[in-house]
Amino acid sequence: MMEVQKKSFEDKYETFMDICQNFQPVFRYFCMEKFLDPAVWFEKRLAYTRSVATSSIVGYILGLGDRHVQNILINEQSAELVHIDLGK
């Protein structure tokens, strides 16, 4: 990873695209598989969106850094984000 930082933009882009070929995004299926009723699906999708927006704003105001997939969970019943590891 460190050697890529020193390369040109084109090389960085090519490396990024190579990495993307190895990952298939599946989160888009979470709500479709967990919430089969259309009204519930919409409600949970809205709850997820609002929790992302709220946690982003609160995190910015509080100066939370180091937010990555290892310290953000999703509540499977409410579809809301749950932040863990809030230490600096």
PDB file of N, CA and C in Angstrom:
ATOM      1  N   MET A   1       0.823  -1.189   0.000  1.00  0.00           N
ATOM      2  CA  MET A   1       0.000   0.000   0.000  1.00  0.00           C
ATOM      3  C   MET A   1       0.871   1.260   0.000  1.00  0.00           C
ATOM      4  N   MET A   2       1.952   1.232   0.748  1.00  0.00           N
ATOM      5  CA  MET A   2       2.806   2.420   0.833  1.00  0.00           C
ATOM      6  C   MET A   2       3.450   2.745  -0.510  1.00  0.00           C
ATOM      7  N   GLU A   3       3.840   1.718  -1.266  1.00  0.00           N
ATOM      8  CA  GLU A   3       4.495   1.984  -2.545  1.00  0.00           C
ATOM      9  C   GLU A   3       3.530   2.580  -3.564  1.00  0.00           C
ATOM     10  N   VAL A   4       2.251   2.301  -3.423  1.00  0.00           N
ATOM     11  CA  VAL A   4       1.255   2.847  -4.353  1.00  0.00           C
ATOM     12  C   VAL A   4       1.072   4.342  -4.117  1.00  0.00           C
ATOM     13  N   GLN A   5       1.239   4.807  -2.891  1.00  0.00           N
ATOM     14  CA  GLN A   5       1.057   6.227  -2.578  1.00  0.00           C
ATOM     15  C   GLN A   5       2.012   7.115  -3.362  1.00  0.00           C
ATOM     16  N   LYS A   6       3.146   6.597  -3.735  1.00  0.00           N
ATOM     17  CA  LYS A   6       4.149   7.389  -4.445  1.00  0.00           C
ATOM     18  C   LYS A   6       3.961   7.361  -5.953  1.00  0.00           C
ATOM     19  N   LYS A   7       3.022   6.565  -6.442  1.00  0.00           N
ATOM     20  CA  LYS A   7       2.823   6.422  -7.883  1.00  0.00           C
ATOM     21  C   LYS A   7       1.941   7.542  -8.429  1.00  0.00           C
ATOM     22  N   SER A   8       1.851   7.587  -9.750  1.00  0.00           N
ATOM     23  CA  SER A   8       1.028   8.603 -10.415  1.00  0.00           C
ATOM     24  C   SER A   8      -0.454   8.317 -10.188  1.00  0.00           C
ATOM     25  N   PHE A   9      -1.279   9.314 -10.492  1.00  0.00           N
ATOM     26  CA  PHE A   9      -2.723   9.153 -10.330  1.00  0.00           C
ATOM     27  C   PHE A   9      -3.232   7.985 -11.166  1.00  0.00           C
ATOM     28  N   GLU A  10      -2.761   7.862 -12.385  1.00  0.00           N
ATOM     29  CA  GLU A  10      -3.215   6.787 -13.267  1.00  0.00           C
ATOM     30  C   GLU A  10      -2.884   5.418 -12.678  1.00  0.00           C
ATOM     31  N   ASP A  11      -1.680   5.277 -12.122  1.00  0.00           N
ATOM     32  CA  ASP A  11      -1.288   4.007 -11.501  1.00  0.00           C
ATOM     33  C   ASP A  11      -2.126   3.726 -10.255  1.00  0.00           C
ATOM     34  N   LYS A  12      -2.394   4.773  -9.472  1.00  0.00           N
ATOM     35  CA  LYS A  12      -3.243   4.606  -8.284  1.00  0.00           C
ATOM     36  C   LYS A  12      -4.639   4.167  -8.690  1.00  0.00           C
ATOM     37  N   TYR A  13      -5.169   4.795  -9.734  1.00  0.00           N
ATOM     38  CA  TYR A  13      -6.508   4.451 -10.213  1.00  0.00           C
ATOM     39  C   TYR A  13      -6.547   3.006 -10.702  1.00  0.00           C
ATOM     40  N   GLU A  14      -5.549   2.601 -11.440  1.00  0.00           N
ATOM     41  CA  GLU A  14      -5.484   1.224 -11.946  1.00  0.00           C
ATOM     42  C   GLU A  14      -5.396   0.225 -10.792  1.00  0.00           C
ATOM     43  N   THR A  15      -4.610   0.532  -9.784  1.00  0.00           N
ATOM     44  CA  THR A  15      -4.508  -0.334  -8.610  1.00  0.00           C
ATOM     45  C   THR A  15      -5.843  -0.419  -7.889  1.00  0.00           C
ATOM     46  N   PHE A  16      -6.512   0.719  -7.739  1.00  0.00           N
ATOM     47  CA  PHE A  16      -7.825   0.742  -7.098  1.00  0.00           C
ATOM     48  C   PHE A  16      -8.820  -0.124  -7.863  1.00  0.00           C
ATOM     49  N   MET A  17      -8.844   0.001  -9.170  1.00  0.00           N
ATOM     50  CA  MET A  17      -9.772  -0.789  -9.981  1.00  0.00           C
ATOM     51  C   MET A  17      -9.450  -2.280  -9.888  1.00  0.00           C
ATOM     52  N   ASP A  18      -8.175  -2.636  -9.816  1.00  0.00           N
ATOM     53  CA  ASP A  18      -7.788  -4.044  -9.636  1.00  0.00           C
ATOM     54  C   ASP A  18      -8.302  -4.581  -8.305  1.00  0.00           C
ATOM     55  N   ILE A  19      -8.182  -3.786  -7.258  1.00  0.00           N
ATOM     56  CA  ILE A  19      -8.666  -4.198  -5.938  1.00  0.00           C
ATOM     57  C   ILE A  19     -10.182  -4.355  -5.955  1.00  0.00           C
ATOM     58  N   CYS A  20     -10.874  -3.430  -6.610  1.00  0.00           N
ATOM     59  CA  CYS A  20     -12.347  -3.486  -6.667  1.00  0.00           C
ATOM     60  C   CYS A  20     -12.846  -4.753  -7.347  1.00  0.00           C
ATOM     61  N   GLN A  21     -12.084  -5.321  -8.231  1.00  0.00           N
ATOM     62  CA  GLN A  21     -12.489  -6.553  -8.909  1.00  0.00           C
ATOM     63  C   GLN A  21     -12.612  -7.721  -7.934  1.00  0.00           C
ATOM     64  N   ASN A  22     -11.948  -7.632  -6.782  1.00  0.00           N
ATOM     65  CA  ASN A  22     -11.960  -8.717  -5.796  1.00  0.00           C
ATOM     66  C   ASN A  22     -13.051  -8.570  -4.743  1.00  0.00           C
ATOM     67  N   PHE A  23     -13.808  -7.487  -4.782  1.00  0.00           N
ATOM     68  CA  PHE A  23     -14.842  -7.246  -3.783  1.00  0.00           C
ATOM     69  C   PHE A  23     -16.187  -7.036  -4.464  1.00  0.00           C
ATOM     70  N   GLN A  24     -17.170  -7.804  -4.047  1.00  0.00           N
ATOM     71  CA  GLN A  24     -18.522  -7.654  -4.572  1.00  0.00           C
ATOM     72  C   GLN A  24     -19.402  -7.043  -3.482  1.00  0.00           C
ATOM     73  N   PRO A  25     -19.910  -5.830  -3.680  1.00  0.00           N
ATOM     74  CA  PRO A  25     -20.747  -5.201  -2.655  1.00  0.00           C
ATOM     75  C   PRO A  25     -22.050  -5.970  -2.453  1.00  0.00           C
ATOM     76  N   VAL A  26     -22.384  -6.235  -1.196  1.00  0.00           N
ATOM     77  CA  VAL A  26     -23.596  -6.991  -0.890  1.00  0.00           C
ATOM     78  C   VAL A  26     -24.508  -6.266   0.093  1.00  0.00           C
ATOM     79  N   PHE A  27     -24.072  -5.148   0.639  1.00  0.00           N
ATOM     80  CA  PHE A  27     -24.895  -4.457   1.627  1.00  0.00           C
ATOM     81  C   PHE A  27     -26.232  -4.010   1.046  1.00  0.00           C
ATOM     82  N   ARG A  28     -26.275  -3.754  -0.238  1.00  0.00           N
ATOM     83  CA  ARG A  28     -27.526  -3.310  -0.860  1.00  0.00           C
ATOM     84  C   ARG A  28     -28.640  -4.331  -0.710  1.00  0.00           C
ATOM     85  N   TYR A  29     -28.281  -5.585  -0.445  1.00  0.00           N
ATOM     86  CA  TYR A  29     -29.283  -6.640  -0.284  1.00  0.00           C
ATOM     87  C   TYR A  29     -29.779  -6.782   1.156  1.00  0.00           C
ATOM     88  N   PHE A  30     -29.141  -6.105   2.097  1.00  0.00           N
ATOM     89  CA  PHE A  30     -29.482  -6.263   3.512  1.00  0.00           C
ATOM     90  C   PHE A  30     -30.962  -6.003   3.771  1.00  0.00           C
ATOM     91  N   CYS A  31     -31.455  -4.834   3.385  1.00  0.00           N
ATOM     92  CA  CYS A  31     -32.858  -4.486   3.653  1.00  0.00           C
ATOM     93  C   CYS A  31     -33.813  -5.365   2.855  1.00  0.00           C
ATOM     94  N   MET A  32     -33.439  -5.702   1.639  1.00  0.00           N
ATOM     95  CA  MET A  32     -34.319  -6.537   0.817  1.00  0.00           C
ATOM     96  C   MET A  32     -34.490  -7.927   1.416  1.00  0.00           C
ATOM     97  N   GLU A  33     -33.448  -8.457   2.018  1.00  0.00           N
ATOM     98  CA  GLU A  33     -33.511  -9.802   2.595  1.00  0.00           C
ATOM     99  C   GLU A  33     -34.108  -9.812   4.000  1.00  0.00           C
ATOM    100  N   LYS A  34     -33.877  -8.761   4.777  1.00  0.00           N
ATOM    101  CA  LYS A  34     -34.343  -8.726   6.167  1.00  0.00           C
ATOM    102  C   LYS A  34     -35.780  -8.240   6.304  1.00  0.00           C
ATOM    103  N   PHE A  35     -36.214  -7.349   5.430  1.00  0.00           N
ATOM    104  CA  PHE A  35     -37.513  -6.704   5.574  1.00  0.00           C
ATOM    105  C   PHE A  35     -38.316  -6.917   4.296  1.00  0.00           C
ATOM    106  N   LEU A  36     -39.138  -7.955   4.302  1.00  0.00           N
ATOM    107  CA  LEU A  36     -39.842  -8.374   3.091  1.00  0.00           C
ATOM    108  C   LEU A  36     -41.078  -7.537   2.780  1.00  0.00           C
ATOM    109  N   ASP A  37     -41.729  -7.000   3.797  1.00  0.00           N
ATOM    110  CA  ASP A  37     -42.904  -6.158   3.577  1.00  0.00           C
ATOM    111  C   ASP A  37     -42.450  -4.791   3.053  1.00  0.00           C
ATOM    112  N   PRO A  38     -43.036  -4.295   1.961  1.00  0.00           N
ATOM    113  CA  PRO A  38     -42.586  -3.023   1.385  1.00  0.00           C
ATOM    114  C   PRO A  38     -42.642  -1.841   2.354  1.00  0.00           C
ATOM    115  N   ALA A  39     -43.680  -1.774   3.183  1.00  0.00           N
ATOM    116  CA  ALA A  39     -43.789  -0.663   4.133  1.00  0.00           C
ATOM    117  C   ALA A  39     -42.693  -0.748   5.192  1.00  0.00           C
ATOM    118  N   VAL A  40     -42.417  -1.950   5.669  1.00  0.00           N
ATOM    119  CA  VAL A  40     -41.352  -2.145   6.660  1.00  0.00           C
ATOM    120  C   VAL A  40     -39.999  -1.857   6.020  1.00  0.00           C
ATOM    121  N   TRP A  41     -39.806  -2.335   4.783  1.00  0.00           N
ATOM    122  CA  TRP A  41     -38.559  -2.072   4.055  1.00  0.00           C
ATOM    123  C   TRP A  41     -38.307  -0.573   3.981  1.00  0.00           C
ATOM    124  N   PHE A  42     -39.327   0.198   3.604  1.00  0.00           N
ATOM    125  CA  PHE A  42     -39.183   1.645   3.486  1.00  0.00           C
ATOM    126  C   PHE A  42     -38.863   2.273   4.837  1.00  0.00           C
ATOM    127  N   GLU A  43     -39.559   1.839   5.875  1.00  0.00           N
ATOM    128  CA  GLU A  43     -39.341   2.366   7.229  1.00  0.00           C
ATOM    129  C   GLU A  43     -37.906   2.107   7.690  1.00  0.00           C
ATOM    130  N   LYS A  44     -37.421   0.900   7.487  1.00  0.00           N
ATOM    131  CA  LYS A  44     -36.066   0.548   7.937  1.00  0.00           C
ATOM    132  C   LYS A  44     -35.008   1.238   7.090  1.00  0.00           C
ATOM    133  N   ARG A  45     -35.265   1.369   5.809  1.00  0.00           N
ATOM    134  CA  ARG A  45     -34.320   2.061   4.938  1.00  0.00           C
ATOM    135  C   ARG A  45     -34.202   3.527   5.360  1.00  0.00           C
ATOM    136  N   LEU A  46     -35.326   4.123   5.708  1.00  0.00           N
ATOM    137  CA  LEU A  46     -35.336   5.499   6.198  1.00  0.00           C
ATOM    138  C   LEU A  46     -34.611   5.605   7.543  1.00  0.00           C
ATOM    139  N   ALA A  47     -34.826   4.628   8.418  1.00  0.00           N
ATOM    140  CA  ALA A  47     -34.136   4.618   9.720  1.00  0.00           C
ATOM    141  C   ALA A  47     -32.628   4.521   9.519  1.00  0.00           C
ATOM    142  N   TYR A  48     -32.197   3.683   8.584  1.00  0.00           N
ATOM    143  CA  TYR A  48     -30.765   3.557   8.281  1.00  0.00           C
ATOM    144  C   TYR A  48     -30.209   4.894   7.787  1.00  0.00           C
ATOM    145  N   THR A  49     -30.906   5.498   6.833  1.00  0.00           N
ATOM    146  CA  THR A  49     -30.444   6.759   6.254  1.00  0.00           C
ATOM    147  C   THR A  49     -30.345   7.853   7.313  1.00  0.00           C
ATOM    148  N   ARG A  50     -31.348   7.935   8.159  1.00  0.00           N
ATOM    149  CA  ARG A  50     -31.336   8.955   9.217  1.00  0.00           C
ATOM    150  C   ARG A  50     -30.225   8.700  10.228  1.00  0.00           C
ATOM    151  N   SER A  51     -29.983   7.432  10.544  1.00  0.00           N
ATOM    152  CA  SER A  51     -28.925   7.134  11.516  1.00  0.00           C
ATOM    153  C   SER A  51     -27.547   7.445  10.938  1.00  0.00           C
ATOM    154  N   VAL A  52     -27.363   7.225   9.641  1.00  0.00           N
ATOM    155  CA  VAL A  52     -26.090   7.580   9.003  1.00  0.00           C
ATOM    156  C   VAL A  52     -25.897   9.094   9.043  1.00  0.00           C
ATOM    157  N   ALA A  53     -26.939   9.833   8.689  1.00  0.00           N
ATOM    158  CA  ALA A  53     -26.847  11.294   8.696  1.00  0.00           C
ATOM    159  C   ALA A  53     -26.586  11.826  10.106  1.00  0.00           C
ATOM    160  N   THR A  54     -27.334  11.316  11.077  1.00  0.00           N
ATOM    161  CA  THR A  54     -27.182  11.774  12.460  1.00  0.00           C
ATOM    162  C   THR A  54     -25.793  11.461  12.998  1.00  0.00           C
ATOM    163  N   SER A  55     -25.334  10.237  12.783  1.00  0.00           N
ATOM    164  CA  SER A  55     -24.015   9.870  13.309  1.00  0.00           C
ATOM    165  C   SER A  55     -22.901  10.633  12.608  1.00  0.00           C
ATOM    166  N   SER A  56     -23.094  10.971  11.347  1.00  0.00           N
ATOM    167  CA  SER A  56     -22.090  11.770  10.639  1.00  0.00           C
ATOM    168  C   SER A  56     -22.000  13.175  11.223  1.00  0.00           C
ATOM    169  N   ILE A  57     -23.148  13.783  11.464  1.00  0.00           N
ATOM    170  CA  ILE A  57     -23.169  15.139  12.019  1.00  0.00           C
ATOM    171  C   ILE A  57     -22.619  15.153  13.441  1.00  0.00           C
ATOM    172  N   VAL A  58     -23.084  14.237  14.277  1.00  0.00           N
ATOM    173  CA  VAL A  58     -22.616  14.172  15.663  1.00  0.00           C
ATOM    174  C   VAL A  58     -21.124  13.854  15.702  1.00  0.00           C
ATOM    175  N   GLY A  59     -20.685  12.928  14.864  1.00  0.00           N
ATOM    176  CA  GLY A  59     -19.263  12.598  14.807  1.00  0.00           C
ATOM    177  C   GLY A  59     -18.411  13.781  14.410  1.00  0.00           C
ATOM    178  N   TYR A  60     -18.896  14.571  13.470  1.00  0.00           N
ATOM    179  CA  TYR A  60     -18.162  15.764  13.047  1.00  0.00           C
ATOM    180  C   TYR A  60     -18.087  16.779  14.183  1.00  0.00           C
ATOM    181  N   ILE A  61     -19.227  17.016  14.836  1.00  0.00           N
ATOM    182  CA  ILE A  61     -19.266  17.999  15.928  1.00  0.00           C
ATOM    183  C   ILE A  61     -18.356  17.576  17.079  1.00  0.00           C
ATOM    184  N   LEU A  62     -18.386  16.291  17.427  1.00  0.00           N
ATOM    185  CA  LEU A  62     -17.566  15.800  18.534  1.00  0.00           C
ATOM    186  C   LEU A  62     -16.115  15.548  18.139  1.00  0.00           C
ATOM    187  N   GLY A  63     -15.838  15.569  16.861  1.00  0.00           N
ATOM    188  CA  GLY A  63     -14.478  15.336  16.392  1.00  0.00           C
ATOM    189  C   GLY A  63     -14.083  13.873  16.392  1.00  0.00           C
ATOM    190  N   LEU A  64     -15.075  12.990  16.236  1.00  0.00           N
ATOM    191  CA  LEU A  64     -14.754  11.562  16.178  1.00  0.00           C
ATOM    192  C   LEU A  64     -14.014  11.261  14.885  1.00  0.00           C
ATOM    193  N   GLY A  65     -12.926  10.585  15.025  1.00  0.00           N
ATOM    194  CA  GLY A  65     -12.187  10.148  13.852  1.00  0.00           C
ATOM    195  C   GLY A  65     -12.153   8.635  13.825  1.00  0.00           C
ATOM    196  N   ASP A  66     -11.369   8.095  12.955  1.00  0.00           N
ATOM    197  CA  ASP A  66     -11.143   6.651  12.907  1.00  0.00           C
ATOM    198  C   ASP A  66     -12.439   5.865  12.728  1.00  0.00           C
ATOM    199  N   ARG A  67     -13.332   6.349  11.893  1.00  0.00           N
ATOM    200  CA  ARG A  67     -14.575   5.621  11.603  1.00  0.00           C
ATOM    201  C   ARG A  67     -14.326   4.740  10.387  1.00  0.00           C
ATOM    202  N   HIS A  68     -14.414   3.455  10.584  1.00  0.00           N
ATOM    203  CA  HIS A  68     -14.243   2.487   9.494  1.00  0.00           C
ATOM    204  C   HIS A  68     -15.116   1.284   9.778  1.00  0.00           C
ATOM    205  N   VAL A  69     -15.161   0.342   8.854  1.00  0.00           N
ATOM    206  CA  VAL A  69     -16.118  -0.768   8.960  1.00  0.00           C
ATOM    207  C   VAL A  69     -15.897  -1.650  10.183  1.00  0.00           C
ATOM    208  N   GLN A  70     -14.723  -1.621  10.779  1.00  0.00           N
ATOM    209  CA  GLN A  70     -14.504  -2.441  11.966  1.00  0.00           C
ATOM    210  C   GLN A  70     -15.129  -1.847  13.226  1.00  0.00           C
ATOM    211  N   ASN A  71     -15.494  -0.574  13.220  1.00  0.00           N
ATOM    212  CA  ASN A  71     -16.098  -0.009  14.427  1.00  0.00           C
ATOM    213  C   ASN A  71     -17.464   0.633  14.179  1.00  0.00           C
ATOM    214  N   ILE A  72     -18.143   0.158  13.156  1.00  0.00           N
ATOM    215  CA  ILE A  72     -19.529   0.552  12.903  1.00  0.00           C
ATOM    216  C   ILE A  72     -20.336  -0.719  12.677  1.00  0.00           C
ATOM    217  N   LEU A  73     -21.370  -0.904  13.494  1.00  0.00           N
ATOM    218  CA  LEU A  73     -22.244  -2.073  13.358  1.00  0.00           C
ATOM    219  C   LEU A  73     -23.619  -1.620  12.890  1.00  0.00           C
ATOM    220  N   ILE A  74     -24.424  -2.577  12.448  1.00  0.00           N
ATOM    221  CA  ILE A  74     -25.799  -2.285  12.044  1.00  0.00           C
ATOM    222  C   ILE A  74     -26.731  -3.137  12.880  1.00  0.00           C
ATOM    223  N   ASN A  75     -27.674  -2.486  13.540  1.00  0.00           N
ATOM    224  CA  ASN A  75     -28.681  -3.197  14.316  1.00  0.00           C
ATOM    225  C   ASN A  75     -29.605  -3.915  13.337  1.00  0.00           C
ATOM    226  N   GLU A  76     -29.682  -5.231  13.445  1.00  0.00           N
ATOM    227  CA  GLU A  76     -30.452  -6.010  12.477  1.00  0.00           C
ATOM    228  C   GLU A  76     -31.957  -5.844  12.626  1.00  0.00           C
ATOM    229  N   GLN A  77     -32.439  -5.390  13.779  1.00  0.00           N
ATOM    230  CA  GLN A  77     -33.875  -5.182  13.952  1.00  0.00           C
ATOM    231  C   GLN A  77     -34.314  -3.790  13.480  1.00  0.00           C
ATOM    232  N   SER A  78     -33.518  -2.780  13.793  1.00  0.00           N
ATOM    233  CA  SER A  78     -33.918  -1.408  13.459  1.00  0.00           C
ATOM    234  C   SER A  78     -33.246  -0.873  12.196  1.00  0.00           C
ATOM    235  N   ALA A  79     -32.187  -1.529  11.737  1.00  0.00           N
ATOM    236  CA  ALA A  79     -31.388  -1.112  10.575  1.00  0.00           C
ATOM    237  C   ALA A  79     -30.610   0.178  10.838  1.00  0.00           C
ATOM    238  N   GLU A  80     -30.451   0.554  12.104  1.00  0.00           N
ATOM    239  CA  GLU A  80     -29.714   1.764  12.445  1.00  0.00           C
ATOM    240  C   GLU A  80     -28.244   1.440  12.709  1.00  0.00           C
ATOM    241  N   LEU A  81     -27.396   2.443  12.516  1.00  0.00           N
ATOM    242  CA  LEU A  81     -25.978   2.276  12.802  1.00  0.00           C
ATOM    243  C   LEU A  81     -25.729   2.280  14.299  1.00  0.00           C
ATOM    244  N   VAL A  82     -24.742   1.511  14.715  1.00  0.00           N
ATOM    245  CA  VAL A  82     -24.295   1.484  16.103  1.00  0.00           C
ATOM    246  C   VAL A  82     -22.783   1.665  16.069  1.00  0.00           C
ATOM    247  N   HIS A  83     -22.310   2.759  16.655  1.00  0.00           N
ATOM    248  CA  HIS A  83     -20.870   3.016  16.678  1.00  0.00           C
ATOM    249  C   HIS A  83     -20.260   2.370  17.913  1.00  0.00           C
ATOM    250  N   ILE A  84     -19.148   1.708  17.713  1.00  0.00           N
ATOM    251  CA  ILE A  84     -18.395   1.114  18.815  1.00  0.00           C
ATOM    252  C   ILE A  84     -16.979   1.678  18.773  1.00  0.00           C
ATOM    253  N   ASP A  85     -16.202   1.423  19.805  1.00  0.00           N
ATOM    254  CA  ASP A  85     -14.813   1.870  19.878  1.00  0.00           C
ATOM    255  C   ASP A  85     -14.713   3.378  19.659  1.00  0.00           C
ATOM    256  N   LEU A  86     -15.299   4.134  20.588  1.00  0.00           N
ATOM    257  CA  LEU A  86     -15.320   5.585  20.460  1.00  0.00           C
ATOM    258  C   LEU A  86     -14.094   6.259  21.055  1.00  0.00           C
ATOM    259  N   GLY A  87     -13.158   5.487  21.581  1.00  0.00           N
ATOM    260  CA  GLY A  87     -11.967   6.065  22.187  1.00  0.00           C
ATOM    261  C   GLY A  87     -11.050   6.680  21.158  1.00  0.00           C
ATOM    262  N   LYS A  88     -10.244   7.627  21.625  1.00  0.00           N
ATOM    263  CA  LYS A  88      -9.285   8.289  20.728  1.00  0.00           C
ATOM    264  C   LYS A  88      -7.925   7.690  20.866  1.00  0.00           C
TER     265      LYS A  88
END
